[in-house]
Amino acid sequence: MIGKLRKGESFTGLARYLTKGGRGHVLAFDNLASDNAVAAAHEMSIAAVTSRRTTRPVLHLSLSYALGEPVTNDQMCTDARRVLMALGLKGHQAVIVAHDDTDNRHIHVMANRVGPDGKAASDSQSYARVEAALRKIEDERGWAPVAGRNAPVPSTGKRMAGHRTSRDPRQHQVPDRVRRALLHAVSWADLHQGVRSAGWRFEVVQKGRGSGALLLGPNGERVAAGKVDRGATLTSLRRRLGRDPEARKQSLAALAHSRAKNSRRAPLSAGHVLAAALRPILTHNLKPSLRPRRAAPRLSGLPRL
């Protein structure tokens, strides 16, 4: 079994997607008075308004079964409710829809994250909770477990292994040449040369109110130097090598560029140009009139200040 999660803002949009073209049939309406998906979506939208903080009250859960896993409609409803319970959505509004547009059976669940008390359920560790519930169902029914990255298989305690299909932007791996340059360079010039020899770049970037060391790879990799080794943090490098003159040049260049950009005046509008052209014509032969200043009346009987 495979489970997927997604949060959204529109119950009506999801309901129309799940029932578009008659490709899905509703199996159950949980905690709802409506008898069709679109009406249930309106009912759930009204209930979600009771939460002032939640901006994405829609939870879209999909559960997919393997080809060799025989399952009935009642079992699919039971599985959906078990997963919702694992997510802390017991007693929440939900619509369970079965789809048969693919070879393997699967269901979709439109659930309201906002409960009867007006509070939204926490979505922390959602995938781990979903995978843990699915592994228990597979184990109870004797099905082959589908290893996931978030929850281990109960029988083996193992998770999915291997590389991801896409590059993980949070990777902490760099070539050995870059690591050696960070840890064993005797000067900043030696460090920059060693990093560049591997096709990478070392930069000092702003990080909140401070700054940090960043390694940029040839394929767009971005790795914090401190994640490679604690001895490669910017503080550790400055303690060992002093201030980086190249980083100082970069910061001064960035400061000069910022000042030059801010000093440029915005182009004058058509109104400013027209007013400047008409000012000499309209003020020709006009002399300012000086009105005499009138003294304020002084009440009798009061001393002069």
Protein backbone atom coordinates (compact mmCIF):
# COMPACT_ATOMS: atom_id res chain seq x y z
CA MET A 1 0.00 0.00 0.00
CA ILE A 2 1.11 3.52 -0.80
CA GLY A 3 -0.26 6.66 0.81
CA LYS A 4 0.09 10.26 -0.31
CA LEU A 5 -0.89 13.51 1.36
CA ARG A 6 -1.56 17.02 0.21
CA LYS A 7 -3.04 20.10 1.86
CA GLY A 8 -5.18 22.66 0.07
CA GLU A 9 -7.58 25.56 0.37
CA SER A 10 -10.67 24.59 -1.68
CA PHE A 11 -13.00 21.77 -0.72
CA THR A 12 -15.20 22.42 -3.76
CA GLY A 13 -12.31 22.19 -6.20
CA LEU A 14 -11.17 18.87 -4.74
CA ALA A 15 -14.71 17.45 -4.70
CA ARG A 16 -15.21 18.30 -8.38
CA TYR A 17 -11.86 16.75 -9.24
CA LEU A 18 -12.64 13.51 -7.41
CA THR A 19 -16.04 13.09 -9.08
CA LYS A 20 -15.29 14.61 -12.50
CA GLY A 21 -16.74 12.64 -15.39
CA GLY A 22 -18.23 10.03 -13.09
CA ARG A 23 -14.86 8.36 -12.57
CA GLY A 24 -15.34 8.02 -8.83
CA HIS A 25 -18.14 6.83 -6.58
CA VAL A 26 -18.53 7.89 -2.98
CA LEU A 27 -18.18 5.14 -0.41
CA ALA A 28 -18.91 7.07 2.76
CA PHE A 29 -19.74 10.47 4.24
CA ASP A 30 -18.27 10.67 7.73
CA ASN A 31 -19.75 13.22 10.14
CA LEU A 32 -21.63 14.95 7.31
CA ALA A 33 -25.31 15.54 6.58
CA SER A 34 -24.84 15.87 2.80
CA ASP A 35 -25.49 13.13 0.26
CA ASN A 36 -23.15 14.24 -2.56
CA ALA A 37 -19.53 15.33 -2.72
CA VAL A 38 -20.08 18.94 -3.81
CA ALA A 39 -22.69 19.59 -1.11
CA ALA A 40 -20.36 17.99 1.43
CA ALA A 41 -17.61 20.33 0.27
CA HIS A 42 -19.80 23.36 0.99
CA GLU A 43 -20.64 21.95 4.41
CA MET A 44 -16.96 21.39 5.17
CA SER A 45 -16.08 24.92 4.02
CA ILE A 46 -18.55 26.36 6.50
CA ALA A 47 -17.15 24.24 9.31
CA ALA A 48 -13.56 25.26 8.44
CA VAL A 49 -14.39 28.95 8.94
CA THR A 50 -14.51 28.36 12.70
CA SER A 51 -10.70 28.21 12.67
CA ARG A 52 -9.20 31.68 12.41
CA ARG A 53 -5.60 30.58 11.93
CA THR A 54 -5.87 27.76 9.40
CA THR A 55 -5.44 28.84 5.79
CA ARG A 56 -5.31 25.34 4.27
CA PRO A 57 -8.01 23.24 5.93
CA VAL A 58 -8.30 20.68 3.13
CA LEU A 59 -6.54 17.33 3.53
CA HIS A 60 -6.35 15.16 0.41
CA LEU A 61 -5.33 11.60 1.26
CA SER A 62 -4.91 8.89 -1.36
CA LEU A 63 -4.36 5.18 -0.65
CA SER A 64 -3.28 2.82 -3.43
CA TYR A 65 -3.33 -1.00 -3.35
CA ALA A 66 -1.09 -3.39 -5.28
CA LEU A 67 -2.53 -5.57 -8.07
CA GLY A 68 -2.31 -8.73 -5.96
CA GLU A 69 -4.04 -7.28 -2.92
CA PRO A 70 -7.76 -8.18 -2.94
CA VAL A 71 -9.75 -5.55 -1.07
CA THR A 72 -13.44 -4.77 -0.67
CA ASN A 73 -15.16 -1.41 -0.38
CA ASP A 74 -15.74 -1.95 3.33
CA GLN A 75 -12.06 -2.71 3.85
CA MET A 76 -11.05 0.43 1.96
CA CYS A 77 -13.33 2.53 4.17
CA THR A 78 -11.85 0.88 7.26
CA ASP A 79 -8.31 1.54 6.02
CA ALA A 80 -9.09 5.18 5.31
CA ARG A 81 -10.53 5.68 8.79
CA ARG A 82 -7.52 4.01 10.41
CA VAL A 83 -5.17 6.36 8.59
CA LEU A 84 -7.30 9.37 9.51
CA MET A 85 -7.20 8.25 13.14
CA ALA A 86 -3.41 8.01 12.93
CA LEU A 87 -3.37 11.60 11.66
CA GLY A 88 -5.46 12.79 14.59
CA LEU A 89 -8.59 13.30 12.45
CA LYS A 90 -10.96 10.99 14.30
CA GLY A 91 -14.38 12.63 14.42
CA HIS A 92 -13.52 15.09 11.62
CA GLN A 93 -15.60 15.46 8.48
CA ALA A 94 -14.46 13.24 5.60
CA VAL A 95 -15.62 11.97 2.20
CA ILE A 96 -14.21 8.64 0.96
CA VAL A 97 -14.21 8.20 -2.82
CA ALA A 98 -13.15 5.06 -4.74
CA HIS A 99 -11.58 5.37 -8.19
CA ASP A 100 -11.36 2.67 -10.84
CA ASP A 101 -9.57 4.62 -13.59
CA THR A 102 -6.33 2.63 -13.13
CA ASP A 103 -5.45 -1.05 -12.95
CA ASN A 104 -4.84 -1.00 -9.21
CA ARG A 105 -7.62 -0.08 -6.82
CA HIS A 106 -7.24 3.15 -4.91
CA ILE A 107 -9.29 5.58 -2.87
CA HIS A 108 -9.23 9.30 -2.22
CA VAL A 109 -10.24 10.95 1.04
CA MET A 110 -11.27 14.57 1.35
CA ALA A 111 -11.00 15.43 5.03
CA ASN A 112 -11.44 18.58 7.04
CA ARG A 113 -8.40 19.37 9.16
CA VAL A 114 -10.59 21.61 11.33
CA GLY A 115 -12.44 19.59 13.95
CA PRO A 116 -15.73 20.16 15.76
CA ASP A 117 -13.88 22.24 18.36
CA GLY A 118 -12.72 24.74 15.72
CA LYS A 119 -9.07 23.71 16.00
CA ALA A 120 -6.97 22.28 13.17
CA ALA A 121 -5.18 18.98 13.66
CA SER A 122 -1.40 19.11 13.64
CA ASP A 123 0.26 17.88 10.45
CA SER A 124 3.63 17.19 12.08
CA GLN A 125 5.23 13.91 10.93
CA SER A 126 2.23 13.22 8.69
CA TYR A 127 3.97 10.84 6.29
CA ALA A 128 5.54 8.88 9.11
CA ARG A 129 2.14 8.37 10.74
CA VAL A 130 0.53 7.37 7.43
CA GLU A 131 3.25 4.86 6.59
CA ALA A 132 3.17 3.37 10.10
CA ALA A 133 -0.60 2.79 9.79
CA LEU A 134 -0.22 1.21 6.34
CA ARG A 135 2.57 -1.10 7.50
CA LYS A 136 0.30 -2.39 10.28
CA ILE A 137 -2.53 -3.05 7.82
CA GLU A 138 -0.20 -4.92 5.48
CA ASP A 139 1.18 -6.99 8.33
CA GLU A 140 -2.30 -7.91 9.59
CA ARG A 141 -3.48 -9.05 6.16
CA GLY A 142 -0.29 -10.81 5.16
CA TRP A 143 0.48 -8.49 2.27
CA ALA A 144 3.98 -7.64 1.09
CA PRO A 145 5.10 -4.46 2.85
CA VAL A 146 6.03 -1.44 0.76
CA ALA A 147 9.11 0.07 2.37
CA GLY A 148 8.94 3.81 2.88
CA ARG A 149 11.41 6.47 3.94
CA ASN A 150 9.51 7.59 7.03
CA ALA A 151 8.33 4.47 8.89
CA PRO A 152 10.11 1.10 9.16
CA VAL A 153 8.64 -2.25 8.17
CA PRO A 154 7.39 -3.94 11.39
CA SER A 155 8.92 -7.34 10.58
CA THR A 156 12.39 -6.12 9.55
CA GLY A 157 12.65 -2.62 11.01
CA LYS A 158 14.12 -1.34 7.73
CA ARG A 159 13.25 1.69 5.66
CA MET A 160 13.59 2.37 1.97
CA ALA A 161 17.24 2.54 0.92
CA GLY A 162 18.97 3.94 -2.13
CA HIS A 163 19.33 7.30 -3.80
CA ARG A 164 16.44 9.60 -4.49
CA THR A 165 15.34 10.17 -8.07
CA SER A 166 16.07 13.89 -7.66
CA ARG A 167 19.05 15.57 -6.07
CA ASP A 168 18.54 16.34 -2.43
CA PRO A 169 19.24 20.08 -1.93
CA ARG A 170 20.09 19.41 1.72
CA GLN A 171 23.01 17.11 0.89
CA HIS A 172 26.19 17.43 2.94
CA GLN A 173 28.54 15.57 0.59
CA VAL A 174 31.41 17.34 -1.18
CA PRO A 175 34.47 15.98 -3.02
CA ASP A 176 37.41 14.92 -0.87
CA ARG A 177 39.54 17.63 -2.45
CA VAL A 178 37.12 20.29 -1.19
CA ARG A 179 37.05 18.74 2.28
CA ARG A 180 40.86 18.68 2.46
CA ALA A 181 41.05 22.31 1.35
CA LEU A 182 38.62 23.35 4.08
CA LEU A 183 40.39 21.49 6.87
CA HIS A 184 44.07 21.71 5.90
CA ALA A 185 44.52 25.01 4.02
CA VAL A 186 47.14 27.30 5.54
CA SER A 187 45.80 30.50 3.96
CA TRP A 188 42.68 31.82 2.33
CA ALA A 189 44.37 31.78 -1.07
CA ASP A 190 45.26 28.11 -0.55
CA LEU A 191 41.66 27.36 0.46
CA HIS A 192 40.12 29.08 -2.56
CA GLN A 193 42.58 27.42 -4.93
CA GLY A 194 41.90 23.97 -3.51
CA VAL A 195 38.13 24.41 -3.71
CA ARG A 196 38.28 25.76 -7.28
CA SER A 197 40.47 22.89 -8.40
CA ALA A 198 37.51 20.57 -7.75
CA GLY A 199 35.12 22.77 -9.73
CA TRP A 200 33.48 24.27 -6.63
CA ARG A 201 33.34 27.81 -5.21
CA PHE A 202 33.62 29.10 -1.67
CA GLU A 203 31.56 32.15 -0.74
CA VAL A 204 30.71 34.08 2.38
CA VAL A 205 27.00 34.89 2.44
CA GLN A 206 24.73 36.80 4.77
CA LYS A 207 22.83 34.59 7.20
CA GLY A 208 20.36 36.55 9.27
CA ARG A 209 22.31 39.16 11.20
CA GLY A 210 25.57 37.30 10.70
CA SER A 211 27.31 35.51 7.86
CA GLY A 212 28.17 31.96 6.90
CA ALA A 213 30.38 29.93 4.57
CA LEU A 214 28.71 28.35 1.54
CA LEU A 215 30.06 25.87 -1.00
CA LEU A 216 28.64 26.05 -4.53
CA GLY A 217 29.00 23.00 -6.80
CA PRO A 218 29.20 22.82 -10.60
CA ASN A 219 25.68 21.34 -10.87
CA GLY A 220 23.97 23.84 -8.61
CA GLU A 221 24.79 22.14 -5.31
CA ARG A 222 24.64 24.41 -2.26
CA VAL A 223 26.28 22.99 0.84
CA ALA A 224 26.96 24.84 4.07
CA ALA A 225 30.64 24.44 4.94
CA GLY A 226 29.75 23.80 8.57
CA LYS A 227 27.70 20.77 7.53
CA VAL A 228 30.78 19.18 5.97
CA ASP A 229 32.77 19.45 9.18
CA ARG A 230 32.44 21.53 12.32
CA GLY A 231 35.99 22.68 11.77
CA ALA A 232 34.93 24.28 8.47
CA THR A 233 32.45 26.81 9.87
CA LEU A 234 33.16 30.43 9.04
CA THR A 235 34.01 31.15 12.68
CA SER A 236 36.50 28.26 12.79
CA LEU A 237 38.07 29.28 9.48
CA ARG A 238 38.48 32.90 10.57
CA ARG A 239 39.96 31.77 13.87
CA ARG A 240 42.51 29.69 11.95
CA LEU A 241 43.17 31.84 8.85
CA GLY A 242 42.06 35.33 9.85
CA ARG A 243 39.75 37.49 7.77
CA ASP A 244 39.19 36.48 4.16
CA PRO A 245 40.41 39.32 1.90
CA GLU A 246 38.44 37.97 -1.06
CA ALA A 247 35.23 37.95 0.94
CA ARG A 248 35.96 41.54 1.99
CA LYS A 249 36.32 42.53 -1.67
CA GLN A 250 33.00 40.86 -2.48
CA SER A 251 31.20 42.62 0.39
CA LEU A 252 32.65 46.01 -0.59
CA ALA A 253 31.63 45.47 -4.21
CA ALA A 254 28.12 44.51 -3.13
CA LEU A 255 27.92 47.58 -0.88
CA ALA A 256 29.07 49.88 -3.69
CA HIS A 257 26.55 48.36 -6.07
CA SER A 258 23.76 48.82 -3.52
CA ARG A 259 24.67 52.47 -2.94
CA ALA A 260 24.88 53.15 -6.67
CA LYS A 261 21.51 51.54 -7.21
CA ASN A 262 19.89 53.57 -4.43
CA SER A 263 21.44 56.84 -5.65
CA ARG A 264 19.81 56.63 -9.05
CA ARG A 265 16.82 58.86 -9.31
CA ALA A 266 13.59 57.52 -10.67
CA PRO A 267 12.74 58.89 -14.16
CA LEU A 268 10.53 61.97 -14.12
CA SER A 269 6.89 61.45 -14.97
CA ALA A 270 5.10 63.28 -17.77
CA GLY A 271 3.45 65.56 -15.19
CA HIS A 272 6.82 66.65 -13.79
CA VAL A 273 8.16 67.43 -17.28
CA LEU A 274 5.06 69.41 -18.22
CA ALA A 275 5.11 71.40 -14.98
CA ALA A 276 8.77 72.28 -15.45
CA ALA A 277 8.07 73.48 -19.00
CA LEU A 278 5.04 75.61 -18.06
CA ARG A 279 6.53 77.18 -14.93
CA PRO A 280 8.44 79.99 -16.76
CA ILE A 281 5.37 80.84 -18.85
CA LEU A 282 2.90 80.91 -15.99
CA THR A 283 5.15 82.91 -13.67
CA HIS A 284 6.27 85.49 -16.28
CA ASN A 285 5.88 89.14 -15.11
CA LEU A 286 4.47 87.99 -11.81
CA LYS A 287 5.72 89.82 -8.75
CA PRO A 288 5.17 88.55 -5.26
CA SER A 289 2.94 90.81 -3.20
CA LEU A 290 4.14 91.52 0.30
CA ARG A 291 1.30 92.05 2.72
CA PRO A 292 2.05 94.14 5.79
CA ARG A 293 2.02 92.24 8.96
CA ARG A 294 -0.90 93.13 11.13
CA ALA A 295 -0.24 93.43 14.81
CA ALA A 296 -2.44 91.40 17.05
CA PRO A 297 -4.89 93.49 19.07
CA ARG A 298 -3.92 94.09 22.66
CA LEU A 299 -6.52 94.00 25.34
CA SER A 300 -6.56 97.03 27.59
CA GLY A 301 -5.68 96.55 31.16
CA LEU A 302 -3.14 93.79 30.53
CA PRO A 303 0.56 94.40 31.06
CA ARG A 304 2.80 94.49 28.04
CA LEU A 305 5.05 91.44 27.89
